[in-house]
Amino acid sequence: MKISIGWITRKRCVQFTYSVCSFVQNANNPQNLELLFSIDNDDVDTLDAIKQMTPFLNVSGVKIKTLINERMGYDHMDKYHRNAGKNFTGDCLICPSDDVFCITNGWDDVLKEAVEPYLDEPALIQTQ
């Protein structure tokens, strides 16, 4: 099962980098991950952070998509999410905040087990 993870971020490079790397490092099968980074077209700091993470991500076997958006601001987060929803190719999409860190080893297998029975129907898994 392919899992897409979409981050929306702006100039929070340290938190964003730790978040992304925590999900990749704790996945049992990082080659089955698709990472979508949704950033504003004027956010060169985050684009540089993505470039710096790329060697680690490439070694892990993940697929990367950087979605460059016109700057819409925090009031239009739904539009950033909609863009991620239009561009993901996985069997499911999760959208953590750029300051959410994964501490569960094998989280991808846990998610796969929870989601696979519902792949043919719409499902929402809400974090608590």
C-alpha atoms as a PDB file:
ATOM      1  CA  MET A   1       0.000   0.000   0.000  1.00  0.00           C
ATOM      2  CA  LYS A   2       1.302   3.430  -0.941  1.00  0.00           C
ATOM      3  CA  ILE A   3       0.912   6.166   1.690  1.00  0.00           C
ATOM      4  CA  SER A   4       0.971   9.838   0.726  1.00  0.00           C
ATOM      5  CA  ILE A   5       1.906  12.392   3.374  1.00  0.00           C
ATOM      6  CA  GLY A   6       1.244  16.067   2.710  1.00  0.00           C
ATOM      7  CA  TRP A   7       2.836  18.900   4.646  1.00  0.00           C
ATOM      8  CA  ILE A   8       1.778  22.523   4.308  1.00  0.00           C
ATOM      9  CA  THR A   9       4.497  24.751   5.665  1.00  0.00           C
ATOM     10  CA  ARG A  10       5.946  28.224   5.497  1.00  0.00           C
ATOM     11  CA  LYS A  11       9.297  29.250   6.923  1.00  0.00           C
ATOM     12  CA  ARG A  12       9.254  26.724   9.769  1.00  0.00           C
ATOM     13  CA  CYS A  13      12.231  24.842   8.399  1.00  0.00           C
ATOM     14  CA  VAL A  14      13.555  23.215  11.568  1.00  0.00           C
ATOM     15  CA  GLN A  15      10.181  21.852  12.704  1.00  0.00           C
ATOM     16  CA  PHE A  16       9.294  20.809   9.149  1.00  0.00           C
ATOM     17  CA  THR A  17      12.594  18.977   8.628  1.00  0.00           C
ATOM     18  CA  TYR A  18      12.270  17.090  11.922  1.00  0.00           C
ATOM     19  CA  SER A  19       8.673  16.198  11.119  1.00  0.00           C
ATOM     20  CA  VAL A  20       9.455  14.823   7.663  1.00  0.00           C
ATOM     21  CA  CYS A  21      12.511  12.890   8.811  1.00  0.00           C
ATOM     22  CA  SER A  22      10.669  11.397  11.798  1.00  0.00           C
ATOM     23  CA  PHE A  23       8.025   9.872   9.522  1.00  0.00           C
ATOM     24  CA  VAL A  24      10.591   8.527   7.059  1.00  0.00           C
ATOM     25  CA  GLN A  25      12.938   7.162   9.730  1.00  0.00           C
ATOM     26  CA  ASN A  26      10.167   5.393  11.657  1.00  0.00           C
ATOM     27  CA  ALA A  27       8.542   3.785   8.607  1.00  0.00           C
ATOM     28  CA  ASN A  28       9.201   0.089   8.036  1.00  0.00           C
ATOM     29  CA  ASN A  29       8.745   0.571   4.285  1.00  0.00           C
ATOM     30  CA  PRO A  30       9.781   4.128   3.371  1.00  0.00           C
ATOM     31  CA  GLN A  31       9.900   3.146  -0.309  1.00  0.00           C
ATOM     32  CA  ASN A  32       6.081   3.021  -0.151  1.00  0.00           C
ATOM     33  CA  LEU A  33       5.829   6.667   0.924  1.00  0.00           C
ATOM     34  CA  GLU A  34       5.021   9.642  -1.257  1.00  0.00           C
ATOM     35  CA  LEU A  35       5.884  12.977   0.363  1.00  0.00           C
ATOM     36  CA  LEU A  36       4.099  16.116  -0.798  1.00  0.00           C
ATOM     37  CA  PHE A  37       5.508  19.468   0.299  1.00  0.00           C
ATOM     38  CA  SER A  38       3.127  22.365  -0.234  1.00  0.00           C
ATOM     39  CA  ILE A  39       4.939  25.695  -0.050  1.00  0.00           C
ATOM     40  CA  ASP A  40       4.433  29.265  -1.180  1.00  0.00           C
ATOM     41  CA  ASN A  41       6.194  30.483  -4.296  1.00  0.00           C
ATOM     42  CA  ASP A  42       8.112  33.110  -2.284  1.00  0.00           C
ATOM     43  CA  ASP A  43       9.296  30.736   0.485  1.00  0.00           C
ATOM     44  CA  VAL A  44      12.926  30.163  -0.482  1.00  0.00           C
ATOM     45  CA  ASP A  45      13.869  29.097   3.064  1.00  0.00           C
ATOM     46  CA  THR A  46      11.619  26.032   2.949  1.00  0.00           C
ATOM     47  CA  LEU A  47      12.671  25.209  -0.597  1.00  0.00           C
ATOM     48  CA  ASP A  48      16.298  25.224   0.608  1.00  0.00           C
ATOM     49  CA  ALA A  49      15.356  22.931   3.517  1.00  0.00           C
ATOM     50  CA  ILE A  50      13.757  20.494   1.056  1.00  0.00           C
ATOM     51  CA  LYS A  51      16.920  20.529  -1.061  1.00  0.00           C
ATOM     52  CA  GLN A  52      19.007  19.796   2.041  1.00  0.00           C
ATOM     53  CA  MET A  53      16.754  16.858   3.022  1.00  0.00           C
ATOM     54  CA  THR A  54      16.690  15.378  -0.474  1.00  0.00           C
ATOM     55  CA  PRO A  55      19.829  13.181  -0.161  1.00  0.00           C
ATOM     56  CA  PHE A  56      18.425  11.525   2.994  1.00  0.00           C
ATOM     57  CA  LEU A  57      15.024  11.113   1.386  1.00  0.00           C
ATOM     58  CA  ASN A  58      16.497   9.649  -1.797  1.00  0.00           C
ATOM     59  CA  VAL A  59      18.514   7.071   0.165  1.00  0.00           C
ATOM     60  CA  SER A  60      15.308   6.102   1.983  1.00  0.00           C
ATOM     61  CA  GLY A  61      13.562   5.424  -1.328  1.00  0.00           C
ATOM     62  CA  VAL A  62      10.650   7.794  -0.781  1.00  0.00           C
ATOM     63  CA  LYS A  63       9.033   9.684  -3.650  1.00  0.00           C
ATOM     64  CA  ILE A  64       8.964  13.484  -3.336  1.00  0.00           C
ATOM     65  CA  LYS A  65       6.641  16.082  -4.864  1.00  0.00           C
ATOM     66  CA  THR A  66       7.037  19.771  -4.135  1.00  0.00           C
ATOM     67  CA  LEU A  67       3.864  21.735  -4.816  1.00  0.00           C
ATOM     68  CA  ILE A  68       4.572  25.423  -5.365  1.00  0.00           C
ATOM     69  CA  ASN A  69       1.530  27.610  -4.679  1.00  0.00           C
ATOM     70  CA  GLU A  70       0.658  31.246  -4.979  1.00  0.00           C
ATOM     71  CA  ARG A  71       0.799  32.596  -1.449  1.00  0.00           C
ATOM     72  CA  MET A  72      -2.716  32.311  -0.017  1.00  0.00           C
ATOM     73  CA  GLY A  73      -2.059  32.645   3.711  1.00  0.00           C
ATOM     74  CA  TYR A  74      -3.293  30.836   6.779  1.00  0.00           C
ATOM     75  CA  ASP A  75      -6.940  31.787   6.167  1.00  0.00           C
ATOM     76  CA  HIS A  76      -6.944  29.626   3.041  1.00  0.00           C
ATOM     77  CA  MET A  77      -5.428  26.407   4.397  1.00  0.00           C
ATOM     78  CA  ASP A  78      -8.272  24.511   2.760  1.00  0.00           C
ATOM     79  CA  LYS A  79      -6.923  25.505  -0.663  1.00  0.00           C
ATOM     80  CA  TYR A  80      -3.484  24.146   0.173  1.00  0.00           C
ATOM     81  CA  HIS A  81      -5.094  20.888   1.359  1.00  0.00           C
ATOM     82  CA  ARG A  82      -7.216  20.730  -1.794  1.00  0.00           C
ATOM     83  CA  ASN A  83      -4.071  21.043  -3.924  1.00  0.00           C
ATOM     84  CA  ALA A  84      -2.440  18.181  -2.018  1.00  0.00           C
ATOM     85  CA  GLY A  85      -5.634  16.162  -2.503  1.00  0.00           C
ATOM     86  CA  LYS A  86      -5.470  16.710  -6.249  1.00  0.00           C
ATOM     87  CA  ASN A  87      -1.817  15.663  -6.490  1.00  0.00           C
ATOM     88  CA  PHE A  88      -1.376  12.637  -4.256  1.00  0.00           C
ATOM     89  CA  THR A  89      -1.145   9.204  -5.867  1.00  0.00           C
ATOM     90  CA  GLY A  90      -1.164   6.960  -2.804  1.00  0.00           C
ATOM     91  CA  ASP A  91      -3.920   4.754  -1.477  1.00  0.00           C
ATOM     92  CA  CYS A  92      -4.418   7.195   1.382  1.00  0.00           C
ATOM     93  CA  LEU A  93      -3.356  10.724   2.288  1.00  0.00           C
ATOM     94  CA  ILE A  94      -2.393  11.972   5.711  1.00  0.00           C
ATOM     95  CA  CYS A  95      -1.652  15.640   6.385  1.00  0.00           C
ATOM     96  CA  PRO A  96       0.334  16.230   9.558  1.00  0.00           C
ATOM     97  CA  SER A  97       1.195  19.730  10.670  1.00  0.00           C
ATOM     98  CA  ASP A  98       4.769  20.802  10.116  1.00  0.00           C
ATOM     99  CA  ASP A  99       5.479  20.457  13.838  1.00  0.00           C
ATOM    100  CA  VAL A 100       4.076  16.921  14.290  1.00  0.00           C
ATOM    101  CA  PHE A 101       6.718  14.299  14.992  1.00  0.00           C
ATOM    102  CA  CYS A 102       6.292  10.565  14.507  1.00  0.00           C
ATOM    103  CA  ILE A 103       7.611   8.507  17.416  1.00  0.00           C
ATOM    104  CA  THR A 104       6.031   5.152  16.539  1.00  0.00           C
ATOM    105  CA  ASN A 105       8.330   2.641  14.870  1.00  0.00           C
ATOM    106  CA  GLY A 106       6.461   0.877  12.078  1.00  0.00           C
ATOM    107  CA  TRP A 107       3.678   3.482  11.966  1.00  0.00           C
ATOM    108  CA  ASP A 108       3.182   2.749   8.272  1.00  0.00           C
ATOM    109  CA  ASP A 109       2.284  -0.894   8.989  1.00  0.00           C
ATOM    110  CA  VAL A 110      -0.130   0.216  11.720  1.00  0.00           C
ATOM    111  CA  LEU A 111      -1.814   2.628   9.287  1.00  0.00           C
ATOM    112  CA  LYS A 112      -1.864   0.026   6.522  1.00  0.00           C
ATOM    113  CA  GLU A 113      -3.628  -2.479   8.756  1.00  0.00           C
ATOM    114  CA  ALA A 114      -6.219   0.127   9.770  1.00  0.00           C
ATOM    115  CA  VAL A 115      -6.883   1.471   6.266  1.00  0.00           C
ATOM    116  CA  GLU A 116      -6.735  -1.558   3.966  1.00  0.00           C
ATOM    117  CA  PRO A 117     -10.276  -2.818   4.758  1.00  0.00           C
ATOM    118  CA  TYR A 118     -11.673   0.557   3.662  1.00  0.00           C
ATOM    119  CA  LEU A 119      -9.712   1.268   0.464  1.00  0.00           C
ATOM    120  CA  ASP A 120     -12.846   0.967  -1.687  1.00  0.00           C
ATOM    121  CA  GLU A 121     -14.795   3.584   0.247  1.00  0.00           C
ATOM    122  CA  PRO A 122     -14.236   7.078   1.605  1.00  0.00           C
ATOM    123  CA  ALA A 123     -12.765   7.037   5.110  1.00  0.00           C
ATOM    124  CA  LEU A 124     -11.448   9.662   7.507  1.00  0.00           C
ATOM    125  CA  ILE A 125      -9.024   8.934  10.275  1.00  0.00           C
ATOM    126  CA  GLN A 126      -8.878  11.830  12.710  1.00  0.00           C
ATOM    127  CA  THR A 127      -5.918  12.294  15.026  1.00  0.00           C
ATOM    128  CA  GLN A 128      -6.578  12.940  18.688  1.00  0.00           C
END
